[in-house]
N, C-alpha and C. Protein backbone atom coordinates (compact mmCIF):
# COMPACT_ATOMS: atom_id res chain seq x y z
N MET A 1 85.51 116.19 25.68
CA MET A 1 86.26 115.77 27.05
C MET A 1 87.61 116.10 26.85
N ALA A 2 88.37 116.18 27.53
CA ALA A 2 89.82 116.63 27.72
C ALA A 2 90.52 115.88 26.52
N ASP A 3 91.75 116.47 25.83
CA ASP A 3 93.03 115.26 25.24
C ASP A 3 93.30 113.99 26.07
N LEU A 4 92.61 113.86 26.77
CA LEU A 4 93.58 112.35 27.24
C LEU A 4 92.85 111.27 26.44
N SER A 5 94.22 110.24 26.66
CA SER A 5 94.39 108.64 25.89
C SER A 5 93.06 108.09 26.51
N GLU A 6 92.68 107.24 25.79
CA GLU A 6 91.40 106.51 25.77
C GLU A 6 91.75 105.15 27.00
N THR A 7 93.20 105.11 26.32
CA THR A 7 93.66 103.68 27.21
C THR A 7 94.96 104.15 27.89
N VAL A 8 94.89 103.78 29.23
CA VAL A 8 95.94 103.94 29.91
C VAL A 8 96.50 103.03 30.88
N ASN A 9 98.04 102.85 30.71
CA ASN A 9 98.54 101.41 31.51
C ASN A 9 98.30 101.50 33.30
N VAL A 10 97.59 100.66 33.65
CA VAL A 10 97.88 100.70 35.12
C VAL A 10 98.74 99.65 35.32
N SER A 11 99.58 98.88 35.11
CA SER A 11 100.94 98.35 35.23
C SER A 11 101.42 97.29 34.54
N ASP A 12 102.42 96.73 34.60
CA ASP A 12 102.80 95.78 33.32
C ASP A 12 101.82 94.67 33.66
N GLY A 13 101.07 94.81 31.73
CA GLY A 13 100.71 93.69 31.57
C GLY A 13 99.10 93.97 31.63
N ILE A 14 98.47 95.20 32.44
CA ILE A 14 97.43 95.46 32.93
C ILE A 14 96.85 97.42 32.02
N THR A 15 95.50 97.01 31.27
CA THR A 15 95.43 98.30 30.76
C THR A 15 94.16 98.96 31.36
N MET A 16 93.38 99.94 30.91
CA MET A 16 92.13 100.53 31.48
C MET A 16 91.67 101.05 30.39
N THR A 17 91.04 101.17 29.84
CA THR A 17 90.36 101.88 28.55
C THR A 17 88.80 102.67 28.90
N PHE A 18 88.84 103.40 28.71
CA PHE A 18 87.49 104.49 29.55
C PHE A 18 86.47 104.50 27.85
N GLU A 19 85.53 103.64 27.99
CA GLU A 19 84.44 103.51 26.81
C GLU A 19 82.85 104.20 27.97
N HIS A 20 82.08 104.75 26.94
CA HIS A 20 80.57 105.20 27.73
C HIS A 20 80.11 104.47 28.96
N GLN A 21 80.74 105.30 29.80
CA GLN A 21 79.68 104.99 31.14
C GLN A 21 80.64 103.66 31.75
N LEU A 22 81.47 103.43 31.20
CA LEU A 22 82.20 101.96 31.85
C LEU A 22 83.45 102.06 31.69
N ARG A 23 84.18 100.97 32.12
CA ARG A 23 85.62 101.12 32.20
C ARG A 23 86.17 99.82 31.81
N ARG A 24 86.78 99.41 30.81
CA ARG A 24 87.11 97.82 30.22
C ARG A 24 88.55 97.67 30.49
N ILE A 25 88.98 96.61 31.55
CA ILE A 25 90.11 96.61 32.09
C ILE A 25 90.91 95.23 31.45
N ARG A 26 92.13 95.35 30.97
CA ARG A 26 92.34 94.46 30.08
C ARG A 26 93.47 93.47 31.07
N ILE A 27 93.89 92.53 31.38
CA ILE A 27 95.00 92.07 31.93
C ILE A 27 95.53 90.66 31.03
N ARG A 28 96.70 91.12 30.43
CA ARG A 28 97.60 90.24 29.77
C ARG A 28 97.20 89.10 30.56
N GLY A 29 98.44 88.77 31.89
CA GLY A 29 98.45 87.77 32.80
C GLY A 29 99.90 86.51 31.90
N ASP A 30 100.25 87.74 30.83
CA ASP A 30 101.81 86.55 31.19
C ASP A 30 102.36 86.42 32.54
N ALA A 31 103.29 85.33 32.55
CA ALA A 31 104.21 84.93 33.69
C ALA A 31 105.20 85.94 34.24
N ASP A 32 105.77 87.19 33.86
CA ASP A 32 106.51 88.40 34.56
C ASP A 32 105.26 89.34 34.18
N ASP A 33 103.91 89.48 34.27
CA ASP A 33 103.49 90.38 34.79
C ASP A 33 102.70 90.71 35.54
N GLU A 34 102.86 91.60 36.78
CA GLU A 34 102.15 91.72 37.82
C GLU A 34 100.57 91.65 37.81
N ILE A 35 100.07 91.08 38.78
CA ILE A 35 98.42 91.47 39.02
C ILE A 35 97.71 92.39 39.05
N LEU A 36 96.64 92.16 39.35
CA LEU A 36 95.70 93.36 39.58
C LEU A 36 95.63 92.82 41.35
N ASN A 37 95.74 94.32 41.88
CA ASN A 37 95.16 93.82 43.32
C ASN A 37 94.80 95.30 43.81
N VAL A 38 93.77 95.23 43.57
CA VAL A 38 92.63 95.96 44.19
C VAL A 38 92.24 95.97 45.61
N PRO A 39 92.67 96.94 46.56
CA PRO A 39 92.38 96.81 48.03
C PRO A 39 91.26 96.93 48.36
N THR A 40 90.78 96.34 49.64
CA THR A 40 89.14 96.34 50.35
C THR A 40 88.95 97.40 50.26
N HIS A 41 87.98 98.00 49.66
CA HIS A 41 87.37 99.56 49.63
C HIS A 41 85.71 99.29 49.86
N TRP A 42 85.34 100.68 49.67
CA TRP A 42 83.95 100.55 49.77
C TRP A 42 83.57 102.21 49.35
N HIS A 43 82.43 102.72 49.06
CA HIS A 43 81.81 103.44 48.30
C HIS A 43 80.58 104.16 48.56
N GLU A 44 80.37 105.18 49.16
CA GLU A 44 79.14 105.70 49.75
C GLU A 44 77.64 105.93 48.77
N ARG A 45 78.24 106.49 47.48
CA ARG A 45 77.08 107.45 46.71
C ARG A 45 77.22 106.75 45.27
N HIS A 46 78.30 105.18 45.57
CA HIS A 46 78.02 104.55 44.55
C HIS A 46 77.68 103.22 44.58
N ALA A 47 77.24 102.50 43.39
CA ALA A 47 77.11 100.85 43.41
C ALA A 47 78.02 100.56 42.32
N GLU A 48 78.72 98.96 42.67
CA GLU A 48 79.34 99.23 41.00
C GLU A 48 79.14 98.16 40.49
N ILE A 49 79.45 97.14 38.76
CA ILE A 49 79.08 96.25 38.51
C ILE A 49 80.11 95.16 38.07
N ILE A 50 80.72 94.27 38.34
CA ILE A 50 82.05 93.80 37.57
C ILE A 50 81.34 92.72 37.14
N THR A 51 81.79 92.59 35.48
CA THR A 51 81.21 91.96 34.45
C THR A 51 82.70 91.30 33.82
N VAL A 52 82.70 89.76 33.87
CA VAL A 52 83.85 89.20 33.34
C VAL A 52 83.33 89.05 32.11
N ILE A 53 84.10 89.36 31.11
CA ILE A 53 84.32 89.19 29.69
C ILE A 53 85.39 88.04 29.16
N GLU A 54 86.13 87.49 29.69
CA GLU A 54 87.04 86.62 28.85
C GLU A 54 88.07 86.68 30.96
N GLY A 55 88.34 84.84 30.70
CA GLY A 55 89.04 84.86 32.19
C GLY A 55 88.37 84.47 33.02
N LYS A 56 89.29 84.87 34.28
CA LYS A 56 88.65 84.87 35.33
C LYS A 56 89.28 85.85 36.62
N LEU A 57 88.45 86.36 38.12
CA LEU A 57 88.69 87.23 38.39
C LEU A 57 88.31 87.27 39.69
N LYS A 58 89.22 87.43 40.24
CA LYS A 58 88.74 86.93 41.93
C LYS A 58 87.94 88.12 42.95
N VAL A 59 87.02 88.21 43.18
CA VAL A 59 85.95 88.96 43.73
C VAL A 59 85.66 88.62 45.41
N THR A 60 86.19 89.81 45.97
CA THR A 60 85.58 89.54 47.46
C THR A 60 84.48 90.81 47.82
N LEU A 61 83.43 90.26 48.36
CA LEU A 61 82.41 91.33 48.27
C LEU A 61 81.75 90.61 49.57
N GLY A 62 82.34 91.60 50.75
CA GLY A 62 81.46 91.25 51.87
C GLY A 62 82.38 90.10 52.95
N GLY A 63 83.51 90.47 52.61
CA GLY A 63 83.87 88.76 53.03
C GLY A 63 84.19 87.71 52.28
N LYS A 64 82.98 87.82 51.26
CA LYS A 64 82.88 86.59 50.84
C LYS A 64 83.61 86.28 49.54
N VAL A 65 84.74 85.35 49.29
CA VAL A 65 85.45 85.55 48.07
C VAL A 65 84.65 84.70 47.02
N LYS A 66 84.98 85.04 45.69
CA LYS A 66 84.17 84.33 44.32
C LYS A 66 85.22 84.32 43.21
N ILE A 67 85.00 83.35 42.69
CA ILE A 67 86.15 83.38 41.17
C ILE A 67 85.26 83.68 40.11
N CYS A 68 84.96 85.28 39.86
CA CYS A 68 83.82 85.16 38.27
C CYS A 68 84.45 84.90 37.55
N THR A 69 83.41 84.61 36.64
CA THR A 69 84.01 84.37 35.20
C THR A 69 82.99 84.67 34.22
N PRO A 70 83.08 84.96 32.81
CA PRO A 70 81.95 85.51 32.08
C PRO A 70 80.81 84.30 31.89
N GLU A 71 80.41 83.57 32.49
CA GLU A 71 79.32 82.60 32.55
C GLU A 71 78.68 83.03 34.04
N ASP A 72 78.96 84.05 34.99
CA ASP A 72 78.56 84.16 36.11
C ASP A 72 77.79 85.44 35.94
N GLY A 73 77.57 86.13 34.35
CA GLY A 73 76.89 87.88 34.60
C GLY A 73 77.93 88.55 35.26
N GLY A 74 77.12 89.61 35.36
CA GLY A 74 77.66 90.67 36.60
C GLY A 74 78.19 90.30 37.61
N SER A 75 78.73 90.72 38.35
CA SER A 75 79.14 91.02 39.86
C SER A 75 78.70 92.23 40.52
N PHE A 76 76.96 92.35 41.01
CA PHE A 76 76.53 93.56 41.70
C PHE A 76 77.19 93.78 43.11
N ILE A 77 77.89 94.75 42.97
CA ILE A 77 78.46 95.52 44.57
C ILE A 77 77.41 96.72 44.87
N PRO A 78 76.94 96.22 46.34
CA PRO A 78 75.88 97.66 46.26
C PRO A 78 77.10 98.90 47.27
N ARG A 79 76.47 99.90 47.19
CA ARG A 79 77.17 100.96 47.92
C ARG A 79 77.23 100.40 49.11
N GLY A 80 78.34 100.87 50.22
CA GLY A 80 78.55 101.14 51.27
C GLY A 80 78.72 99.43 51.77
N ILE A 81 79.50 98.17 51.01
CA ILE A 81 79.75 96.93 51.03
C ILE A 81 81.28 96.75 50.55
N PRO A 82 82.07 96.25 51.55
CA PRO A 82 83.50 96.47 51.55
C PRO A 82 83.50 95.62 50.65
N HIS A 83 84.75 95.46 49.28
CA HIS A 83 84.64 94.46 48.34
C HIS A 83 86.54 95.27 47.79
N ALA A 84 86.88 93.83 46.77
CA ALA A 84 87.79 93.75 46.98
C ALA A 84 88.63 92.85 45.58
N LEU A 85 88.76 93.38 44.10
CA LEU A 85 89.36 92.54 43.43
C LEU A 85 90.55 92.14 43.35
N GLU A 86 91.12 91.52 42.48
CA GLU A 86 92.47 90.57 42.49
C GLU A 86 92.35 89.69 41.16
N SER A 87 93.10 89.92 40.38
CA SER A 87 93.35 88.85 39.18
C SER A 87 94.55 87.54 39.64
N LEU A 88 94.22 86.79 39.12
CA LEU A 88 95.11 85.58 39.36
C LEU A 88 96.37 85.01 38.02
N LYS A 89 97.56 84.82 38.61
CA LYS A 89 98.23 85.44 38.04
C LYS A 89 98.97 84.56 37.22
N GLY A 90 99.00 84.78 35.84
CA GLY A 90 99.59 84.16 34.54
C GLY A 90 97.64 83.52 34.12
N VAL A 91 97.03 84.56 34.16
CA VAL A 91 96.25 84.40 33.90
C VAL A 91 95.03 85.33 32.82
N PRO A 92 95.07 85.18 31.68
CA PRO A 92 94.37 86.71 30.70
C PRO A 92 93.05 86.90 31.73
N CYS A 93 92.87 88.00 31.58
CA CYS A 93 91.27 88.56 31.67
C CYS A 93 90.90 89.78 31.31
N VAL A 94 89.72 89.88 30.93
CA VAL A 94 88.93 91.17 30.14
C VAL A 94 87.81 91.29 30.93
N PHE A 95 87.65 92.45 31.69
CA PHE A 95 86.21 92.73 32.43
C PHE A 95 86.12 94.10 32.77
N THR A 96 84.52 94.87 32.61
CA THR A 96 84.15 95.72 32.80
C THR A 96 83.78 96.40 33.86
N GLU A 97 84.07 97.34 34.43
CA GLU A 97 83.61 97.85 35.50
C GLU A 97 82.61 99.33 35.31
N GLU A 98 81.61 99.27 35.71
CA GLU A 98 80.79 100.40 35.59
C GLU A 98 79.78 100.69 37.02
N THR A 99 79.84 102.06 37.32
CA THR A 99 79.00 102.30 37.83
C THR A 99 77.25 102.79 38.07
N LYS A 100 76.84 102.44 39.35
CA LYS A 100 75.37 103.23 39.08
C LYS A 100 74.87 103.88 40.65
N PRO A 101 74.36 105.16 40.42
CA PRO A 101 73.85 105.55 39.28
C PRO A 101 75.00 106.15 38.18
N GLU A 102 74.27 106.22 36.86
CA GLU A 102 75.34 106.67 35.84
C GLU A 102 76.34 107.66 35.92
N GLU A 103 75.59 108.56 36.14
CA GLU A 103 75.67 110.03 36.67
C GLU A 103 77.23 110.03 37.75
N PHE A 104 77.76 109.28 37.94
CA PHE A 104 79.05 108.83 38.62
C PHE A 104 79.67 109.07 37.78
N SER A 105 79.74 108.37 36.55
CA SER A 105 80.67 107.88 35.51
C SER A 105 81.94 108.64 35.67
N ASP A 106 81.81 110.09 35.36
CA ASP A 106 82.80 110.85 34.70
C ASP A 106 83.97 111.07 36.32
N THR A 107 82.80 111.04 37.66
CA THR A 107 83.66 110.92 38.94
C THR A 107 84.68 109.40 38.90
N LYS A 108 84.07 108.49 38.34
CA LYS A 108 84.89 107.86 38.45
C LYS A 108 86.04 107.44 37.48
N GLU A 109 85.93 107.82 36.66
CA GLU A 109 87.06 108.29 35.34
C GLU A 109 87.83 108.99 35.99
N LEU A 110 87.11 110.01 36.49
CA LEU A 110 88.59 110.94 37.13
C LEU A 110 89.40 110.38 38.52
N PHE A 111 88.66 109.47 39.11
CA PHE A 111 89.28 109.05 40.14
C PHE A 111 91.04 108.17 39.54
N PHE A 112 90.51 106.98 38.79
CA PHE A 112 90.84 105.94 37.84
C PHE A 112 92.03 107.37 37.14
N ARG A 113 91.97 108.38 36.73
CA ARG A 113 92.68 108.83 35.97
C ARG A 113 93.65 109.52 36.99
N ASN A 114 93.36 109.83 38.16
CA ASN A 114 93.88 110.34 38.74
C ASN A 114 94.61 109.09 40.05
N THR A 115 94.72 108.34 39.64
CA THR A 115 94.95 107.04 40.99
C THR A 115 96.48 106.95 39.63
N PHE A 116 95.90 106.62 38.72
CA PHE A 116 97.04 106.11 37.78
C PHE A 116 98.24 107.10 36.89
N ALA A 117 98.10 108.33 37.77
CA ALA A 117 98.81 109.32 37.02
C ALA A 117 99.61 109.48 38.05
N LEU A 118 99.61 109.40 39.43
CA LEU A 118 100.47 109.33 40.40
C LEU A 118 102.05 109.32 40.29
N PRO A 119 102.46 110.39 40.65
CA PRO A 119 103.72 110.05 40.26
C PRO A 119 104.75 108.38 40.93
N GLY A 120 105.52 107.68 40.79
CA GLY A 120 105.65 106.40 40.73
C GLY A 120 104.80 105.91 41.59
N GLY A 121 103.93 105.60 40.77
CA GLY A 121 102.57 105.02 41.00
C GLY A 121 101.90 104.66 42.76
N LEU A 122 100.77 103.79 42.71
CA LEU A 122 99.86 104.02 43.90
C LEU A 122 101.19 103.49 45.11
N ALA A 123 102.12 102.57 44.90
CA ALA A 123 103.18 101.80 45.91
C ALA A 123 104.08 103.27 46.37
N LYS A 124 104.43 104.14 45.07
CA LYS A 124 105.00 105.55 45.88
C LYS A 124 104.43 107.00 46.07
N ALA A 125 102.83 106.46 45.92
CA ALA A 125 101.85 107.51 46.29
C ALA A 125 102.18 108.07 47.70
N ARG A 126 102.36 109.45 47.78
CA ARG A 126 101.94 109.93 49.42
C ARG A 126 100.69 109.68 50.29
N THR A 127 100.79 109.93 51.53
CA THR A 127 98.83 109.86 52.00
C THR A 127 98.33 110.21 51.49
N LEU A 128 98.80 112.00 51.59
CA LEU A 128 97.85 112.73 51.72
C LEU A 128 97.23 112.58 50.36
N THR A 129 98.10 112.32 49.07
CA THR A 129 98.01 112.39 47.69
C THR A 129 96.57 111.63 47.44
N LEU A 130 97.19 110.24 48.00
CA LEU A 130 96.14 109.33 47.70
C LEU A 130 94.77 109.72 49.01
N ALA A 131 94.52 110.01 49.36
CA ALA A 131 93.39 110.16 50.62
C ALA A 131 92.93 111.61 49.79
N GLN A 132 93.26 112.48 48.82
CA GLN A 132 92.51 113.24 48.24
C GLN A 132 92.07 112.44 46.93
N VAL A 133 92.70 111.86 46.05
CA VAL A 133 92.47 111.29 45.16
C VAL A 133 90.95 110.12 45.60
N PHE A 134 90.87 109.39 46.79
CA PHE A 134 89.86 108.74 47.43
C PHE A 134 89.05 109.51 47.90
N TYR A 135 89.28 110.85 48.40
CA TYR A 135 88.28 111.92 48.57
C TYR A 135 87.47 112.41 47.79
N HIS A 136 87.89 112.39 46.75
CA HIS A 136 87.03 113.05 45.40
C HIS A 136 86.38 111.80 44.55
N GLY A 137 86.71 110.80 44.77
CA GLY A 137 86.62 109.52 43.95
C GLY A 137 85.47 108.69 44.63
N ASP A 138 84.75 109.12 46.17
CA ASP A 138 84.02 108.30 46.86
C ASP A 138 84.20 107.12 47.02
N THR A 139 85.83 106.86 47.40
CA THR A 139 86.49 105.82 47.74
C THR A 139 86.86 105.35 49.03
N TYR A 140 86.61 104.50 49.76
CA TYR A 140 87.41 105.08 51.46
C TYR A 140 87.91 103.38 52.21
N ILE A 141 89.08 103.34 51.65
CA ILE A 141 89.59 101.79 52.27
C ILE A 141 89.06 101.38 53.38
N VAL A 142 89.05 100.07 53.70
CA VAL A 142 88.96 99.30 54.60
C VAL A 142 90.17 99.34 56.07
N LEU A 143 90.04 99.82 56.94
CA LEU A 143 91.29 99.65 57.80
C LEU A 143 90.88 98.24 58.88
N PRO A 144 92.13 98.08 59.26
CA PRO A 144 91.92 96.48 59.80
C PRO A 144 90.90 95.70 60.86
N ILE A 145 89.72 96.63 61.17
CA ILE A 145 88.60 96.90 61.78
C ILE A 145 87.67 97.90 61.18
N HIS A 146 86.46 97.45 60.27
CA HIS A 146 86.20 97.72 59.83
C HIS A 146 84.92 99.01 60.21
N VAL A 147 85.38 100.16 60.35
CA VAL A 147 84.70 100.91 61.11
C VAL A 147 84.49 102.08 60.02
N ALA A 148 83.01 102.16 59.39
CA ALA A 148 82.81 102.63 58.44
C ALA A 148 82.77 104.54 58.61
N TRP A 149 82.42 104.82 59.42
CA TRP A 149 82.49 106.06 59.85
C TRP A 149 83.78 106.80 60.16
N LEU A 150 84.43 105.98 60.89
CA LEU A 150 85.87 106.48 61.26
C LEU A 150 87.07 106.46 59.76
N GLU A 151 86.79 105.74 58.75
CA GLU A 151 87.56 105.23 57.26
C GLU A 151 86.72 106.36 56.68
N LYS A 152 85.60 106.62 56.87
CA LYS A 152 84.96 108.33 56.12
C LYS A 152 86.01 109.44 56.87
N ALA A 153 85.83 109.14 57.78
CA ALA A 153 86.43 110.36 58.55
C ALA A 153 87.95 110.90 57.95
N LEU A 154 88.32 109.40 58.23
CA LEU A 154 90.05 109.93 57.97
C LEU A 154 90.25 110.03 56.98
N VAL A 155 89.37 109.72 55.45
CA VAL A 155 89.83 109.89 53.98
C VAL A 155 88.99 111.93 54.21
N THR A 156 87.81 112.11 54.90
CA THR A 156 87.67 113.16 54.52
C THR A 156 88.23 114.27 55.33
N ILE A 157 88.93 114.16 55.99
CA ILE A 157 89.93 115.04 56.99
C ILE A 157 90.91 114.94 56.26
N LEU A 158 91.83 114.01 55.98
CA LEU A 158 92.94 114.08 55.14
C LEU A 158 93.26 114.99 53.78
N GLY A 159 91.85 114.09 52.70
CA GLY A 159 91.73 114.25 51.63
C GLY A 159 90.89 115.72 51.60
N GLY A 160 90.18 115.52 52.05
CA GLY A 160 89.49 116.81 51.67
C GLY A 160 90.12 118.29 52.21
N TYR A 161 90.27 118.12 53.28
CA TYR A 161 90.82 119.21 54.25
C TYR A 161 92.20 119.54 54.21
N VAL A 162 93.30 118.75 54.90
CA VAL A 162 94.33 118.57 55.20
C VAL A 162 95.22 118.83 53.76
N ALA A 163 94.76 117.93 52.86
CA ALA A 163 95.86 118.26 51.45
C ALA A 163 95.50 118.83 50.96
N HIS A 164 94.35 120.19 50.59
CA HIS A 164 93.84 121.37 49.96
C HIS A 164 94.77 122.19 50.88
N TRP A 165 94.62 122.71 52.24
CA TRP A 165 95.37 123.37 53.12
C TRP A 165 96.61 123.72 52.63
N LEU A 166 97.49 122.67 52.52
CA LEU A 166 98.69 122.33 52.34
C LEU A 166 99.11 122.48 50.84
N GLY A 167 97.96 122.82 49.90
CA GLY A 167 98.19 122.75 48.67
C GLY A 167 98.61 122.03 47.49
N TYR A 168 97.88 120.46 47.90
CA TYR A 168 97.94 119.32 47.60
C TYR A 168 96.97 119.59 46.32
N ARG A 169 97.16 119.10 44.83
CA ARG A 169 95.98 119.22 44.09
C ARG A 169 95.80 118.17 43.07
N LEU A 170 94.63 117.75 42.50
CA LEU A 170 94.32 116.39 41.80
C LEU A 170 95.02 116.55 40.36
N ILE A 171 95.98 115.86 39.76
CA ILE A 171 96.28 115.78 38.66
C ILE A 171 95.62 116.37 37.78
N HIS A 172 94.53 115.37 37.33
CA HIS A 172 93.12 115.92 36.79
C HIS A 172 91.66 116.57 37.53
N GLU A 173 92.20 117.45 37.66
CA GLU A 173 90.50 118.36 38.14
C GLU A 173 89.33 117.94 37.31
N SER A 174 89.27 117.79 36.02
CA SER A 174 87.88 118.06 34.81
C SER A 174 88.37 116.91 34.44
N LEU A 175 87.29 116.54 33.59
CA LEU A 175 87.35 116.18 31.93
C LEU A 175 87.23 116.86 30.91
N LYS A 176 86.82 118.28 31.14
CA LYS A 176 86.58 118.94 30.06
C LYS A 176 87.98 119.78 29.35
N LYS A 177 87.70 120.06 28.37
CA LYS A 177 88.97 120.59 27.75
C LYS A 177 89.34 121.75 28.32
N GLU A 178 90.74 122.46 28.30
CA GLU A 178 91.24 123.23 29.28
C GLU A 178 91.29 124.31 27.84
N LEU A 179 90.72 125.46 27.98
CA LEU A 179 91.04 126.73 27.12
C LEU A 179 92.17 127.24 27.45
């Protein structure tokens, strides 16, 4: 693996640690910390399992909202199903995210590393930069009217072609150490 930090800062009070085949997200939950807010999206080539280890996490799956706790076990998110995650203000939480098939784990780590390395963060990221990260990370943002083929086409055209033609490059193209 490259000389990349095992743990990255997501935002104030939120970190992600990369472990074998999964990502561990820690939300401190202090009053002035940001909340984790992952907008509604879906994946074509992989499913996810979200497991809350400590605290509570709001998981929206296919339009149904559930507050997940350690007692619930893992929440399975099938590929193709729109989903979102949100932490609760002032509530500490630790959860893991893993992908199925497991072979997709490195792609998912690259997706997160590229997302969190964007200059100025997600709020200031350019549309083409985000589309390129999403395209390479099998992530499709849900439009106000969910039409999967349109969402996929938008990300594929902008992130897979236009961004590349205009010279945009991923910050981390591989997890392998550069020679």
